[in-house]
């Protein structure tokens, strides 16, 4: 079993989070959903589990339609063991004009599939 240093996995997660942020900026929920494993689950606050690519795409499309235009993800801690990694971080969501919509913290379980890391379980809650 290959174990990477925290610094190495943090860099890989940062690249994935950059793609997540770019998909939000482009209002592209299809590309956003493609960053998740085929059997991924979103566990959003105040809503039921969103499981699978279509549900995840629809969830993020709804968030975009509600005015969320930008997402900023900041990793606080990441740890890898084999083909699984965990990430704890903070998020900020804003409108197209930069007005703050929400901020909070998240926990993601990542899975390596081939040479890519994908979000597998994604849960967050607001600080508001």
C-alpha atoms as a PDB file:
ATOM      1  CA  UNK A   1       0.000   0.000   0.000  1.00  0.00           C
ATOM      2  CA  UNK A   2       1.437   3.332  -1.054  1.00  0.00           C
ATOM      3  CA  UNK A   3       1.161   6.175   1.447  1.00  0.00           C
ATOM      4  CA  UNK A   4       1.919   9.729   0.405  1.00  0.00           C
ATOM      5  CA  UNK A   5       3.058  12.509   2.635  1.00  0.00           C
ATOM      6  CA  UNK A   6       0.457  14.982   3.814  1.00  0.00           C
ATOM      7  CA  UNK A   7       2.142  17.656   1.688  1.00  0.00           C
ATOM      8  CA  UNK A   8       1.844  15.514  -1.458  1.00  0.00           C
ATOM      9  CA  UNK A   9      -1.846  14.683  -0.965  1.00  0.00           C
ATOM     10  CA  UNK A  10      -2.596  18.297  -0.064  1.00  0.00           C
ATOM     11  CA  UNK A  11      -1.167  19.398  -3.416  1.00  0.00           C
ATOM     12  CA  UNK A  12      -3.251  16.829  -5.276  1.00  0.00           C
ATOM     13  CA  UNK A  13      -6.401  17.878  -3.425  1.00  0.00           C
ATOM     14  CA  UNK A  14      -5.598  21.527  -4.158  1.00  0.00           C
ATOM     15  CA  UNK A  15      -5.564  20.756  -7.893  1.00  0.00           C
ATOM     16  CA  UNK A  16      -8.950  19.037  -7.593  1.00  0.00           C
ATOM     17  CA  UNK A  17     -10.319  21.931  -5.550  1.00  0.00           C
ATOM     18  CA  UNK A  18      -9.059  24.355  -8.206  1.00  0.00           C
ATOM     19  CA  UNK A  19     -11.129  22.408 -10.763  1.00  0.00           C
ATOM     20  CA  UNK A  20     -14.134  22.539  -8.386  1.00  0.00           C
ATOM     21  CA  UNK A  21     -13.789  26.311  -8.018  1.00  0.00           C
ATOM     22  CA  UNK A  22     -13.348  26.778 -11.794  1.00  0.00           C
ATOM     23  CA  UNK A  23     -16.493  24.736 -12.515  1.00  0.00           C
ATOM     24  CA  UNK A  24     -18.441  27.021 -10.164  1.00  0.00           C
ATOM     25  CA  UNK A  25     -17.046  30.142 -11.811  1.00  0.00           C
ATOM     26  CA  UNK A  26     -18.056  28.731 -15.206  1.00  0.00           C
ATOM     27  CA  UNK A  27     -21.466  27.694 -13.803  1.00  0.00           C
ATOM     28  CA  UNK A  28     -20.795  24.184 -15.112  1.00  0.00           C
ATOM     29  CA  UNK A  29     -22.599  21.681 -12.899  1.00  0.00           C
ATOM     30  CA  UNK A  30     -21.772  18.803 -15.275  1.00  0.00           C
ATOM     31  CA  UNK A  31     -18.011  19.340 -14.853  1.00  0.00           C
ATOM     32  CA  UNK A  32     -18.555  19.756 -11.132  1.00  0.00           C
ATOM     33  CA  UNK A  33     -20.366  16.399 -10.890  1.00  0.00           C
ATOM     34  CA  UNK A  34     -17.548  14.752 -12.875  1.00  0.00           C
ATOM     35  CA  UNK A  35     -15.197  15.495  -9.946  1.00  0.00           C
ATOM     36  CA  UNK A  36     -17.088  12.897  -7.858  1.00  0.00           C
ATOM     37  CA  UNK A  37     -16.920   9.094  -7.899  1.00  0.00           C
ATOM     38  CA  UNK A  38     -19.820   7.328  -9.670  1.00  0.00           C
ATOM     39  CA  UNK A  39     -21.281   6.289  -6.300  1.00  0.00           C
ATOM     40  CA  UNK A  40     -20.504   9.526  -4.463  1.00  0.00           C
ATOM     41  CA  UNK A  41     -22.795  11.112  -1.898  1.00  0.00           C
ATOM     42  CA  UNK A  42     -23.362  14.760  -1.032  1.00  0.00           C
ATOM     43  CA  UNK A  43     -24.609  15.282   2.509  1.00  0.00           C
ATOM     44  CA  UNK A  44     -25.748  18.925   2.455  1.00  0.00           C
ATOM     45  CA  UNK A  45     -27.122  20.739   5.494  1.00  0.00           C
ATOM     46  CA  UNK A  46     -30.896  20.867   5.687  1.00  0.00           C
ATOM     47  CA  UNK A  47     -31.409  18.356   2.859  1.00  0.00           C
ATOM     48  CA  UNK A  48     -31.327  14.646   2.223  1.00  0.00           C
ATOM     49  CA  UNK A  49     -28.452  12.667   0.770  1.00  0.00           C
ATOM     50  CA  UNK A  50     -27.726  13.373  -2.902  1.00  0.00           C
ATOM     51  CA  UNK A  51     -26.312  10.153  -4.364  1.00  0.00           C
ATOM     52  CA  UNK A  52     -24.843   9.588  -7.811  1.00  0.00           C
ATOM     53  CA  UNK A  53     -23.801  11.812 -10.705  1.00  0.00           C
ATOM     54  CA  UNK A  54     -27.258  13.031 -11.769  1.00  0.00           C
ATOM     55  CA  UNK A  55     -28.368  13.973  -8.256  1.00  0.00           C
ATOM     56  CA  UNK A  56     -25.052  15.717  -7.573  1.00  0.00           C
ATOM     57  CA  UNK A  57     -25.217  17.614 -10.872  1.00  0.00           C
ATOM     58  CA  UNK A  58     -28.812  18.681 -10.170  1.00  0.00           C
ATOM     59  CA  UNK A  59     -27.955  19.766  -6.627  1.00  0.00           C
ATOM     60  CA  UNK A  60     -25.083  21.999  -7.761  1.00  0.00           C
ATOM     61  CA  UNK A  61     -27.151  23.334 -10.670  1.00  0.00           C
ATOM     62  CA  UNK A  62     -29.803  24.361  -8.153  1.00  0.00           C
ATOM     63  CA  UNK A  63     -27.178  26.099  -6.010  1.00  0.00           C
ATOM     64  CA  UNK A  64     -25.946  27.995  -9.064  1.00  0.00           C
ATOM     65  CA  UNK A  65     -29.506  28.966 -10.024  1.00  0.00           C
ATOM     66  CA  UNK A  66     -29.943  30.354  -6.497  1.00  0.00           C
ATOM     67  CA  UNK A  67     -27.078  32.779  -7.173  1.00  0.00           C
ATOM     68  CA  UNK A  68     -23.952  31.005  -5.966  1.00  0.00           C
ATOM     69  CA  UNK A  69     -21.349  31.925  -8.571  1.00  0.00           C
ATOM     70  CA  UNK A  70     -18.055  31.397  -6.766  1.00  0.00           C
ATOM     71  CA  UNK A  71     -16.717  28.845  -4.315  1.00  0.00           C
ATOM     72  CA  UNK A  72     -13.437  29.082  -2.431  1.00  0.00           C
ATOM     73  CA  UNK A  73     -12.112  25.949  -0.710  1.00  0.00           C
ATOM     74  CA  UNK A  74      -9.261  26.072   1.789  1.00  0.00           C
ATOM     75  CA  UNK A  75      -7.757  22.829   3.036  1.00  0.00           C
ATOM     76  CA  UNK A  76      -6.919  22.857   6.748  1.00  0.00           C
ATOM     77  CA  UNK A  77      -5.805  19.236   7.035  1.00  0.00           C
ATOM     78  CA  UNK A  78      -5.449  16.275   4.676  1.00  0.00           C
ATOM     79  CA  UNK A  79      -4.380  12.717   5.293  1.00  0.00           C
ATOM     80  CA  UNK A  80      -4.005   9.763   2.947  1.00  0.00           C
ATOM     81  CA  UNK A  81      -3.986   6.034   3.472  1.00  0.00           C
ATOM     82  CA  UNK A  82      -3.806   3.970   0.297  1.00  0.00           C
ATOM     83  CA  UNK A  83      -6.576   4.859  -2.132  1.00  0.00           C
ATOM     84  CA  UNK A  84      -8.514   6.934   0.424  1.00  0.00           C
ATOM     85  CA  UNK A  85      -7.842  10.431   1.736  1.00  0.00           C
ATOM     86  CA  UNK A  86      -9.652  12.726   4.123  1.00  0.00           C
ATOM     87  CA  UNK A  87      -9.770  16.495   3.932  1.00  0.00           C
ATOM     88  CA  UNK A  88     -11.016  19.026   6.457  1.00  0.00           C
ATOM     89  CA  UNK A  89     -11.387  22.570   5.228  1.00  0.00           C
ATOM     90  CA  UNK A  90     -13.258  25.844   5.115  1.00  0.00           C
ATOM     91  CA  UNK A  91     -15.456  27.139   2.310  1.00  0.00           C
ATOM     92  CA  UNK A  92     -16.734  30.506   1.172  1.00  0.00           C
ATOM     93  CA  UNK A  93     -19.575  30.933  -1.312  1.00  0.00           C
ATOM     94  CA  UNK A  94     -20.294  34.219  -3.052  1.00  0.00           C
ATOM     95  CA  UNK A  95     -22.396  35.784  -5.769  1.00  0.00           C
ATOM     96  CA  UNK A  96     -21.146  36.913  -9.173  1.00  0.00           C
ATOM     97  CA  UNK A  97     -20.621  40.399  -7.707  1.00  0.00           C
ATOM     98  CA  UNK A  98     -18.570  39.005  -4.835  1.00  0.00           C
ATOM     99  CA  UNK A  99     -21.218  39.366  -2.124  1.00  0.00           C
ATOM    100  CA  UNK A 100     -20.758  36.732   0.580  1.00  0.00           C
ATOM    101  CA  UNK A 101     -23.530  34.124   0.592  1.00  0.00           C
ATOM    102  CA  UNK A 102     -22.214  31.551   3.056  1.00  0.00           C
ATOM    103  CA  UNK A 103     -19.111  30.315   4.820  1.00  0.00           C
ATOM    104  CA  UNK A 104     -18.438  27.220   6.830  1.00  0.00           C
ATOM    105  CA  UNK A 105     -16.448  24.025   7.153  1.00  0.00           C
ATOM    106  CA  UNK A 106     -16.413  20.708   5.331  1.00  0.00           C
ATOM    107  CA  UNK A 107     -15.173  17.150   5.432  1.00  0.00           C
ATOM    108  CA  UNK A 108     -14.478  15.230   2.220  1.00  0.00           C
ATOM    109  CA  UNK A 109     -13.539  11.599   1.837  1.00  0.00           C
ATOM    110  CA  UNK A 110     -11.572  11.236  -1.394  1.00  0.00           C
ATOM    111  CA  UNK A 111     -11.043   8.048  -3.409  1.00  0.00           C
ATOM    112  CA  UNK A 112      -8.269   7.445  -5.914  1.00  0.00           C
ATOM    113  CA  UNK A 113      -9.536   5.992  -9.163  1.00  0.00           C
ATOM    114  CA  UNK A 114      -6.664   5.258 -11.515  1.00  0.00           C
ATOM    115  CA  UNK A 115      -4.418   8.308 -11.394  1.00  0.00           C
ATOM    116  CA  UNK A 116      -7.200  10.709 -10.303  1.00  0.00           C
ATOM    117  CA  UNK A 117      -8.528  11.687  -6.907  1.00  0.00           C
ATOM    118  CA  UNK A 118     -12.307  12.130  -6.802  1.00  0.00           C
ATOM    119  CA  UNK A 119     -14.699  13.308  -4.115  1.00  0.00           C
ATOM    120  CA  UNK A 120     -16.515  10.328  -2.631  1.00  0.00           C
ATOM    121  CA  UNK A 121     -18.341  11.666   0.429  1.00  0.00           C
ATOM    122  CA  UNK A 122     -18.889  15.407   0.775  1.00  0.00           C
ATOM    123  CA  UNK A 123     -20.447  16.937   3.910  1.00  0.00           C
ATOM    124  CA  UNK A 124     -20.445  20.532   5.089  1.00  0.00           C
ATOM    125  CA  UNK A 125     -22.182  22.949   7.414  1.00  0.00           C
ATOM    126  CA  UNK A 126     -22.491  26.679   7.676  1.00  0.00           C
ATOM    127  CA  UNK A 127     -20.904  28.933  10.258  1.00  0.00           C
ATOM    128  CA  UNK A 128     -23.942  31.216   9.969  1.00  0.00           C
END
